[in-house]
Amino acid sequence: MQYRPPGKYFEEFNVGDEYATVSRTVTEADIVNFAGVSADFNQLHTDIEFASKTPFKKRIAHGLLGLAFVSGCVGRSGLIEGTTFAFLEISSWKFLAPNFIDDTVTVFVKVADKKETKKSDRGVVVFDLRLVNQRNEVAQQGLWTIMMLRKKTV
């Protein structure tokens, strides 16, 4: 029996296909850990008193942590697991709304474009992604361009 990765191959994506990933809840530990890893200890993320005096009224997750949530949710969905050849580009990425502690986020993925390559073992897929919270607010959105493996032909 031949191994088949859980992800979809280039040919299995069609422009217009839509998917929803698994969800995850933003925790204080996420923010603390991201601050430590990134060395971004901005008070908006780490100081309750400071954040209470901002328009947000409370601490928010780092914007790049939201992008990491997108990566994790897409990865956990299995959609591109084992069939990604190369991550090529993030473009038109917008940070539209904050992610707060206890928000539950889901990524909605739409296949925006597909392109053949000169190599027969791969092709390029452009995904339109939206990070959405439980209030149905889009927190982040943009495009990912990923080179995907093609099915092996006999």
N, C-alpha and C. Protein backbone atom coordinates (compact mmCIF):
# COMPACT_ATOMS: atom_id res chain seq x y z
N MET A 1 0.85 -1.19 0.00
CA MET A 1 0.00 0.00 0.00
C MET A 1 0.89 1.25 0.00
N GLN A 2 0.59 2.17 -0.88
CA GLN A 2 1.40 3.38 -1.02
C GLN A 2 0.88 4.46 -0.07
N TYR A 3 1.81 5.18 0.56
CA TYR A 3 1.45 6.28 1.47
C TYR A 3 0.81 7.41 0.67
N ARG A 4 -0.28 7.95 1.21
CA ARG A 4 -0.92 9.12 0.61
C ARG A 4 -1.08 10.17 1.69
N PRO A 5 -0.41 11.32 1.54
CA PRO A 5 -0.54 12.36 2.56
C PRO A 5 -1.99 12.85 2.65
N PRO A 6 -2.37 13.39 3.81
CA PRO A 6 -3.75 13.83 3.98
C PRO A 6 -4.13 15.06 3.15
N GLY A 7 -3.14 15.86 2.76
CA GLY A 7 -3.44 17.08 2.02
C GLY A 7 -3.90 16.82 0.59
N LYS A 8 -4.49 17.85 0.01
CA LYS A 8 -4.94 17.78 -1.38
C LYS A 8 -3.77 18.09 -2.31
N TYR A 9 -3.78 17.43 -3.44
CA TYR A 9 -2.80 17.70 -4.48
C TYR A 9 -3.29 18.85 -5.37
N PHE A 10 -2.38 19.40 -6.16
CA PHE A 10 -2.68 20.51 -7.05
C PHE A 10 -3.95 20.26 -7.85
N GLU A 11 -4.06 19.07 -8.44
CA GLU A 11 -5.21 18.78 -9.30
C GLU A 11 -6.53 18.75 -8.54
N GLU A 12 -6.47 18.54 -7.24
CA GLU A 12 -7.69 18.39 -6.44
C GLU A 12 -8.27 19.73 -6.01
N PHE A 13 -7.56 20.81 -6.26
CA PHE A 13 -8.08 22.14 -5.96
C PHE A 13 -8.72 22.72 -7.22
N ASN A 14 -9.87 23.33 -7.05
CA ASN A 14 -10.55 24.03 -8.14
C ASN A 14 -10.81 25.46 -7.70
N VAL A 15 -10.62 26.41 -8.61
CA VAL A 15 -10.91 27.81 -8.31
C VAL A 15 -12.35 27.90 -7.83
N GLY A 16 -12.53 28.57 -6.69
CA GLY A 16 -13.85 28.72 -6.10
C GLY A 16 -14.12 27.75 -4.95
N ASP A 17 -13.33 26.67 -4.83
CA ASP A 17 -13.51 25.75 -3.70
C ASP A 17 -13.37 26.52 -2.40
N GLU A 18 -14.17 26.17 -1.41
CA GLU A 18 -14.12 26.82 -0.10
C GLU A 18 -14.03 25.79 1.01
N TYR A 19 -13.29 26.13 2.05
CA TYR A 19 -13.08 25.25 3.19
C TYR A 19 -13.09 26.08 4.48
N ALA A 20 -13.48 25.43 5.57
CA ALA A 20 -13.34 26.02 6.90
C ALA A 20 -12.40 25.12 7.70
N THR A 21 -11.48 25.72 8.42
CA THR A 21 -10.53 24.95 9.21
C THR A 21 -11.12 24.62 10.58
N VAL A 22 -10.34 23.91 11.36
CA VAL A 22 -10.65 23.74 12.77
C VAL A 22 -10.58 25.13 13.43
N SER A 23 -11.21 25.26 14.57
CA SER A 23 -11.17 26.52 15.32
C SER A 23 -10.20 26.39 16.49
N ARG A 24 -9.83 27.52 17.07
CA ARG A 24 -9.02 27.52 18.27
C ARG A 24 -9.32 28.79 19.06
N THR A 25 -9.16 28.70 20.37
CA THR A 25 -9.43 29.83 21.25
C THR A 25 -8.12 30.50 21.63
N VAL A 26 -8.09 31.82 21.55
CA VAL A 26 -6.91 32.62 21.91
C VAL A 26 -6.79 32.63 23.43
N THR A 27 -5.60 32.31 23.93
CA THR A 27 -5.38 32.27 25.37
C THR A 27 -4.32 33.28 25.80
N GLU A 28 -4.32 33.57 27.08
CA GLU A 28 -3.27 34.43 27.62
C GLU A 28 -1.91 33.78 27.41
N ALA A 29 -1.84 32.47 27.55
CA ALA A 29 -0.57 31.76 27.34
C ALA A 29 -0.06 31.96 25.91
N ASP A 30 -0.97 32.00 24.93
CA ASP A 30 -0.55 32.26 23.55
C ASP A 30 0.18 33.60 23.46
N ILE A 31 -0.41 34.62 24.08
CA ILE A 31 0.16 35.97 24.01
C ILE A 31 1.49 36.04 24.74
N VAL A 32 1.55 35.46 25.93
CA VAL A 32 2.79 35.45 26.70
C VAL A 32 3.89 34.70 25.95
N ASN A 33 3.56 33.53 25.44
CA ASN A 33 4.56 32.74 24.71
C ASN A 33 5.03 33.45 23.45
N PHE A 34 4.10 34.07 22.70
CA PHE A 34 4.48 34.78 21.48
C PHE A 34 5.36 35.98 21.82
N ALA A 35 5.03 36.69 22.90
CA ALA A 35 5.87 37.82 23.32
C ALA A 35 7.29 37.34 23.61
N GLY A 36 7.41 36.20 24.27
CA GLY A 36 8.73 35.66 24.58
C GLY A 36 9.50 35.23 23.35
N VAL A 37 8.84 34.56 22.44
CA VAL A 37 9.50 34.07 21.23
C VAL A 37 9.88 35.22 20.30
N SER A 38 8.99 36.21 20.17
CA SER A 38 9.21 37.30 19.22
C SER A 38 9.97 38.48 19.83
N ALA A 39 10.07 38.51 21.16
CA ALA A 39 10.65 39.64 21.90
C ALA A 39 9.82 40.91 21.72
N ASP A 40 8.55 40.75 21.40
CA ASP A 40 7.61 41.88 21.27
C ASP A 40 6.79 41.97 22.56
N PHE A 41 7.27 42.79 23.47
CA PHE A 41 6.61 42.96 24.76
C PHE A 41 5.83 44.27 24.81
N ASN A 42 5.31 44.71 23.68
CA ASN A 42 4.51 45.92 23.61
C ASN A 42 3.43 45.88 24.69
N GLN A 43 3.25 46.98 25.40
CA GLN A 43 2.31 47.05 26.51
C GLN A 43 0.88 46.74 26.10
N LEU A 44 0.53 46.96 24.88
CA LEU A 44 -0.81 46.65 24.41
C LEU A 44 -1.11 45.16 24.55
N HIS A 45 -0.07 44.35 24.52
CA HIS A 45 -0.22 42.91 24.64
C HIS A 45 0.05 42.40 26.06
N THR A 46 0.85 43.12 26.81
CA THR A 46 1.39 42.56 28.06
C THR A 46 1.00 43.31 29.33
N ASP A 47 0.38 44.47 29.24
CA ASP A 47 0.10 45.29 30.42
C ASP A 47 -1.40 45.60 30.50
N ILE A 48 -2.07 44.96 31.46
CA ILE A 48 -3.53 45.11 31.61
C ILE A 48 -3.91 46.57 31.84
N GLU A 49 -3.20 47.26 32.71
CA GLU A 49 -3.54 48.66 33.03
C GLU A 49 -3.34 49.57 31.82
N PHE A 50 -2.22 49.40 31.13
CA PHE A 50 -1.98 50.19 29.93
C PHE A 50 -3.08 49.94 28.90
N ALA A 51 -3.35 48.67 28.64
CA ALA A 51 -4.33 48.31 27.61
C ALA A 51 -5.73 48.81 27.96
N SER A 52 -6.04 48.91 29.23
CA SER A 52 -7.38 49.37 29.64
C SER A 52 -7.63 50.83 29.27
N LYS A 53 -6.58 51.57 29.00
CA LYS A 53 -6.70 52.99 28.64
C LYS A 53 -6.64 53.20 27.12
N THR A 54 -6.60 52.13 26.37
CA THR A 54 -6.57 52.22 24.91
C THR A 54 -7.99 52.08 24.36
N PRO A 55 -8.19 52.38 23.09
CA PRO A 55 -9.51 52.18 22.49
C PRO A 55 -10.02 50.73 22.57
N PHE A 56 -9.09 49.77 22.72
CA PHE A 56 -9.49 48.37 22.81
C PHE A 56 -10.02 48.01 24.20
N LYS A 57 -9.60 48.76 25.22
CA LYS A 57 -10.03 48.58 26.62
C LYS A 57 -9.45 47.34 27.30
N LYS A 58 -8.76 46.51 26.56
CA LYS A 58 -8.12 45.32 27.14
C LYS A 58 -6.99 44.87 26.23
N ARG A 59 -6.18 43.94 26.75
CA ARG A 59 -5.05 43.45 25.96
C ARG A 59 -5.53 42.75 24.71
N ILE A 60 -4.73 42.86 23.66
CA ILE A 60 -5.02 42.16 22.40
C ILE A 60 -3.83 41.26 22.04
N ALA A 61 -4.11 40.26 21.22
CA ALA A 61 -3.05 39.41 20.71
C ALA A 61 -2.24 40.17 19.66
N HIS A 62 -0.99 39.83 19.54
CA HIS A 62 -0.14 40.42 18.51
C HIS A 62 -0.73 40.14 17.13
N GLY A 63 -0.60 41.09 16.22
CA GLY A 63 -1.09 40.87 14.86
C GLY A 63 -0.43 39.68 14.21
N LEU A 64 0.88 39.54 14.40
CA LEU A 64 1.58 38.41 13.79
C LEU A 64 1.22 37.10 14.45
N LEU A 65 0.76 37.14 15.70
CA LEU A 65 0.24 35.94 16.34
C LEU A 65 -1.03 35.48 15.62
N GLY A 66 -1.85 36.44 15.20
CA GLY A 66 -3.03 36.09 14.41
C GLY A 66 -2.64 35.39 13.12
N LEU A 67 -1.60 35.87 12.48
CA LEU A 67 -1.11 35.22 11.25
C LEU A 67 -0.62 33.80 11.57
N ALA A 68 0.01 33.64 12.73
CA ALA A 68 0.43 32.30 13.16
C ALA A 68 -0.78 31.40 13.40
N PHE A 69 -1.86 31.96 13.95
CA PHE A 69 -3.10 31.18 14.11
C PHE A 69 -3.59 30.68 12.76
N VAL A 70 -3.52 31.54 11.75
CA VAL A 70 -3.94 31.14 10.41
C VAL A 70 -3.11 29.95 9.95
N SER A 71 -1.80 30.06 10.09
CA SER A 71 -0.91 28.98 9.68
C SER A 71 -1.24 27.70 10.42
N GLY A 72 -1.43 27.79 11.71
CA GLY A 72 -1.72 26.61 12.51
C GLY A 72 -3.06 25.98 12.18
N CYS A 73 -4.08 26.81 12.03
CA CYS A 73 -5.41 26.26 11.71
C CYS A 73 -5.44 25.62 10.34
N VAL A 74 -4.78 26.26 9.35
CA VAL A 74 -4.72 25.66 8.01
C VAL A 74 -3.94 24.35 8.09
N GLY A 75 -2.84 24.36 8.80
CA GLY A 75 -2.05 23.13 8.94
C GLY A 75 -2.83 22.01 9.61
N ARG A 76 -3.52 22.33 10.69
CA ARG A 76 -4.30 21.32 11.42
C ARG A 76 -5.48 20.81 10.61
N SER A 77 -5.94 21.58 9.65
CA SER A 77 -7.09 21.14 8.84
C SER A 77 -6.72 19.99 7.93
N GLY A 78 -5.44 19.79 7.67
CA GLY A 78 -4.99 18.73 6.78
C GLY A 78 -5.06 19.09 5.30
N LEU A 79 -5.56 20.26 5.01
CA LEU A 79 -5.80 20.67 3.62
C LEU A 79 -4.53 20.63 2.76
N ILE A 80 -3.42 21.05 3.32
CA ILE A 80 -2.17 21.10 2.55
C ILE A 80 -1.07 20.26 3.22
N GLU A 81 -1.46 19.43 4.16
CA GLU A 81 -0.51 18.61 4.92
C GLU A 81 0.16 17.56 4.03
N GLY A 82 1.46 17.66 3.88
CA GLY A 82 2.21 16.66 3.13
C GLY A 82 2.22 16.87 1.63
N THR A 83 1.44 17.83 1.14
CA THR A 83 1.39 18.08 -0.30
C THR A 83 1.90 19.48 -0.66
N THR A 84 2.35 20.22 0.33
CA THR A 84 2.95 21.54 0.08
C THR A 84 4.39 21.33 -0.36
N PHE A 85 4.75 21.91 -1.49
CA PHE A 85 6.13 21.85 -1.98
C PHE A 85 6.91 23.05 -1.46
N ALA A 86 6.30 24.25 -1.54
CA ALA A 86 6.98 25.46 -1.08
C ALA A 86 5.94 26.56 -0.83
N PHE A 87 6.14 27.28 0.25
CA PHE A 87 5.33 28.46 0.55
C PHE A 87 6.00 29.62 -0.19
N LEU A 88 5.30 30.23 -1.14
CA LEU A 88 5.93 31.22 -2.00
C LEU A 88 5.72 32.67 -1.59
N GLU A 89 4.50 33.00 -1.13
CA GLU A 89 4.22 34.41 -0.90
C GLU A 89 3.00 34.60 -0.01
N ILE A 90 3.06 35.64 0.80
CA ILE A 90 1.88 36.19 1.48
C ILE A 90 1.70 37.58 0.89
N SER A 91 0.50 37.88 0.39
CA SER A 91 0.29 39.19 -0.21
C SER A 91 -1.05 39.76 0.21
N SER A 92 -1.16 41.06 0.09
CA SER A 92 -2.40 41.79 0.40
C SER A 92 -2.92 41.47 1.80
N TRP A 93 -2.01 41.19 2.75
CA TRP A 93 -2.45 40.81 4.09
C TRP A 93 -2.92 42.05 4.84
N LYS A 94 -4.11 41.95 5.42
CA LYS A 94 -4.69 43.07 6.15
C LYS A 94 -5.03 42.65 7.57
N PHE A 95 -4.72 43.53 8.50
CA PHE A 95 -5.06 43.35 9.91
C PHE A 95 -6.26 44.25 10.17
N LEU A 96 -7.45 43.66 10.27
CA LEU A 96 -8.69 44.43 10.27
C LEU A 96 -9.32 44.61 11.64
N ALA A 97 -9.12 43.69 12.54
CA ALA A 97 -9.73 43.76 13.87
C ALA A 97 -8.84 42.99 14.84
N PRO A 98 -8.88 43.36 16.11
CA PRO A 98 -8.03 42.67 17.09
C PRO A 98 -8.55 41.28 17.43
N ASN A 99 -7.63 40.45 17.90
CA ASN A 99 -7.98 39.18 18.52
C ASN A 99 -7.78 39.36 20.02
N PHE A 100 -8.82 39.09 20.78
CA PHE A 100 -8.77 39.21 22.23
C PHE A 100 -8.61 37.84 22.88
N ILE A 101 -8.11 37.83 24.10
CA ILE A 101 -8.09 36.60 24.89
C ILE A 101 -9.53 36.08 24.98
N ASP A 102 -9.70 34.80 24.78
CA ASP A 102 -10.98 34.07 24.78
C ASP A 102 -11.76 34.17 23.48
N ASP A 103 -11.25 34.88 22.47
CA ASP A 103 -11.87 34.81 21.15
C ASP A 103 -11.61 33.42 20.58
N THR A 104 -12.57 32.90 19.85
CA THR A 104 -12.38 31.64 19.13
C THR A 104 -12.34 31.98 17.65
N VAL A 105 -11.27 31.58 17.00
CA VAL A 105 -11.06 31.94 15.60
C VAL A 105 -11.07 30.71 14.70
N THR A 106 -11.53 30.94 13.48
CA THR A 106 -11.59 29.92 12.43
C THR A 106 -11.05 30.57 11.17
N VAL A 107 -10.42 29.79 10.32
CA VAL A 107 -9.93 30.31 9.05
C VAL A 107 -10.83 29.78 7.93
N PHE A 108 -11.28 30.69 7.10
CA PHE A 108 -12.06 30.34 5.92
C PHE A 108 -11.14 30.50 4.72
N VAL A 109 -11.05 29.45 3.93
CA VAL A 109 -10.10 29.35 2.82
C VAL A 109 -10.89 29.23 1.53
N LYS A 110 -10.49 30.02 0.54
CA LYS A 110 -11.09 29.92 -0.80
C LYS A 110 -9.95 29.82 -1.81
N VAL A 111 -10.09 28.93 -2.76
CA VAL A 111 -9.09 28.82 -3.83
C VAL A 111 -9.35 29.96 -4.80
N ALA A 112 -8.40 30.89 -4.87
CA ALA A 112 -8.56 32.08 -5.71
C ALA A 112 -8.01 31.89 -7.12
N ASP A 113 -6.96 31.06 -7.25
CA ASP A 113 -6.34 30.89 -8.56
C ASP A 113 -5.48 29.63 -8.55
N LYS A 114 -5.22 29.09 -9.72
CA LYS A 114 -4.32 27.95 -9.93
C LYS A 114 -3.48 28.23 -11.16
N LYS A 115 -2.22 27.83 -11.08
CA LYS A 115 -1.34 28.04 -12.22
C LYS A 115 -0.48 26.81 -12.44
N GLU A 116 -0.40 26.38 -13.68
CA GLU A 116 0.52 25.30 -14.06
C GLU A 116 1.95 25.84 -13.95
N THR A 117 2.90 24.94 -13.75
CA THR A 117 4.31 25.32 -13.79
C THR A 117 5.00 24.51 -14.89
N LYS A 118 6.24 24.84 -15.15
CA LYS A 118 7.00 24.10 -16.15
C LYS A 118 7.35 22.70 -15.66
N LYS A 119 7.32 22.51 -14.36
CA LYS A 119 7.66 21.21 -13.77
C LYS A 119 6.39 20.37 -13.65
N SER A 120 6.46 19.13 -14.07
CA SER A 120 5.26 18.27 -14.09
C SER A 120 4.86 17.76 -12.71
N ASP A 121 5.73 17.93 -11.71
CA ASP A 121 5.42 17.39 -10.38
C ASP A 121 4.82 18.42 -9.43
N ARG A 122 4.53 19.65 -9.92
CA ARG A 122 4.02 20.69 -9.03
C ARG A 122 3.21 21.74 -9.78
N GLY A 123 2.43 22.49 -9.03
CA GLY A 123 1.65 23.60 -9.56
C GLY A 123 1.44 24.61 -8.45
N VAL A 124 0.99 25.79 -8.79
CA VAL A 124 0.84 26.88 -7.81
C VAL A 124 -0.65 27.14 -7.57
N VAL A 125 -1.00 27.23 -6.29
CA VAL A 125 -2.37 27.54 -5.88
C VAL A 125 -2.34 28.81 -5.04
N VAL A 126 -3.25 29.74 -5.35
CA VAL A 126 -3.41 30.97 -4.57
C VAL A 126 -4.66 30.80 -3.71
N PHE A 127 -4.47 30.94 -2.40
CA PHE A 127 -5.56 30.81 -1.44
C PHE A 127 -5.92 32.18 -0.88
N ASP A 128 -7.20 32.48 -0.83
CA ASP A 128 -7.73 33.68 -0.18
C ASP A 128 -8.17 33.24 1.21
N LEU A 129 -7.56 33.81 2.25
CA LEU A 129 -7.81 33.37 3.62
C LEU A 129 -8.41 34.48 4.46
N ARG A 130 -9.33 34.10 5.34
CA ARG A 130 -9.92 35.05 6.30
C ARG A 130 -9.89 34.42 7.68
N LEU A 131 -9.33 35.15 8.65
CA LEU A 131 -9.35 34.75 10.06
C LEU A 131 -10.57 35.42 10.68
N VAL A 132 -11.53 34.61 11.13
CA VAL A 132 -12.82 35.12 11.59
C VAL A 132 -13.04 34.68 13.04
N ASN A 133 -13.55 35.62 13.86
CA ASN A 133 -13.83 35.27 15.26
C ASN A 133 -15.27 34.80 15.45
N GLN A 134 -15.61 34.47 16.69
CA GLN A 134 -16.93 33.93 16.99
C GLN A 134 -18.05 34.96 16.81
N ARG A 135 -17.70 36.23 16.68
CA ARG A 135 -18.69 37.29 16.41
C ARG A 135 -18.85 37.51 14.89
N ASN A 136 -18.22 36.63 14.12
CA ASN A 136 -18.25 36.70 12.66
C ASN A 136 -17.55 37.95 12.11
N GLU A 137 -16.59 38.47 12.87
CA GLU A 137 -15.79 39.61 12.44
C GLU A 137 -14.52 39.08 11.78
N VAL A 138 -14.16 39.65 10.64
CA VAL A 138 -12.92 39.26 9.98
C VAL A 138 -11.78 40.04 10.65
N ALA A 139 -10.89 39.32 11.30
CA ALA A 139 -9.77 39.94 11.99
C ALA A 139 -8.60 40.17 11.05
N GLN A 140 -8.35 39.22 10.15
CA GLN A 140 -7.26 39.32 9.19
C GLN A 140 -7.68 38.64 7.89
N GLN A 141 -7.10 39.10 6.80
CA GLN A 141 -7.36 38.44 5.52
C GLN A 141 -6.25 38.76 4.54
N GLY A 142 -6.09 37.87 3.58
CA GLY A 142 -5.09 38.08 2.55
C GLY A 142 -4.90 36.84 1.72
N LEU A 143 -3.85 36.84 0.91
CA LEU A 143 -3.59 35.76 -0.03
C LEU A 143 -2.30 35.03 0.31
N TRP A 144 -2.35 33.73 0.17
CA TRP A 144 -1.16 32.90 0.28
C TRP A 144 -0.96 32.21 -1.06
N THR A 145 0.26 32.24 -1.57
CA THR A 145 0.60 31.53 -2.79
C THR A 145 1.50 30.37 -2.41
N ILE A 146 1.03 29.17 -2.72
CA ILE A 146 1.74 27.95 -2.30
C ILE A 146 1.94 27.04 -3.51
N MET A 147 3.17 26.53 -3.63
CA MET A 147 3.45 25.54 -4.66
C MET A 147 3.05 24.18 -4.08
N MET A 148 2.15 23.50 -4.79
CA MET A 148 1.61 22.23 -4.32
C MET A 148 2.11 21.10 -5.21
N LEU A 149 2.29 19.93 -4.60
CA LEU A 149 2.67 18.75 -5.36
C LEU A 149 1.51 18.29 -6.23
N ARG A 150 1.85 17.68 -7.35
CA ARG A 150 0.85 17.04 -8.21
C ARG A 150 0.86 15.55 -7.90
N LYS A 151 -0.23 14.89 -8.24
CA LYS A 151 -0.28 13.43 -8.10
C LYS A 151 0.73 12.82 -9.04
N LYS A 152 1.37 11.77 -8.59
CA LYS A 152 2.32 11.08 -9.46
C LYS A 152 1.54 10.29 -10.51
N THR A 153 1.98 10.44 -11.73
CA THR A 153 1.33 9.68 -12.81
C THR A 153 2.16 8.46 -13.14
N VAL A 154 1.49 7.42 -13.52
CA VAL A 154 2.19 6.15 -13.83
C VAL A 154 2.63 6.15 -15.27
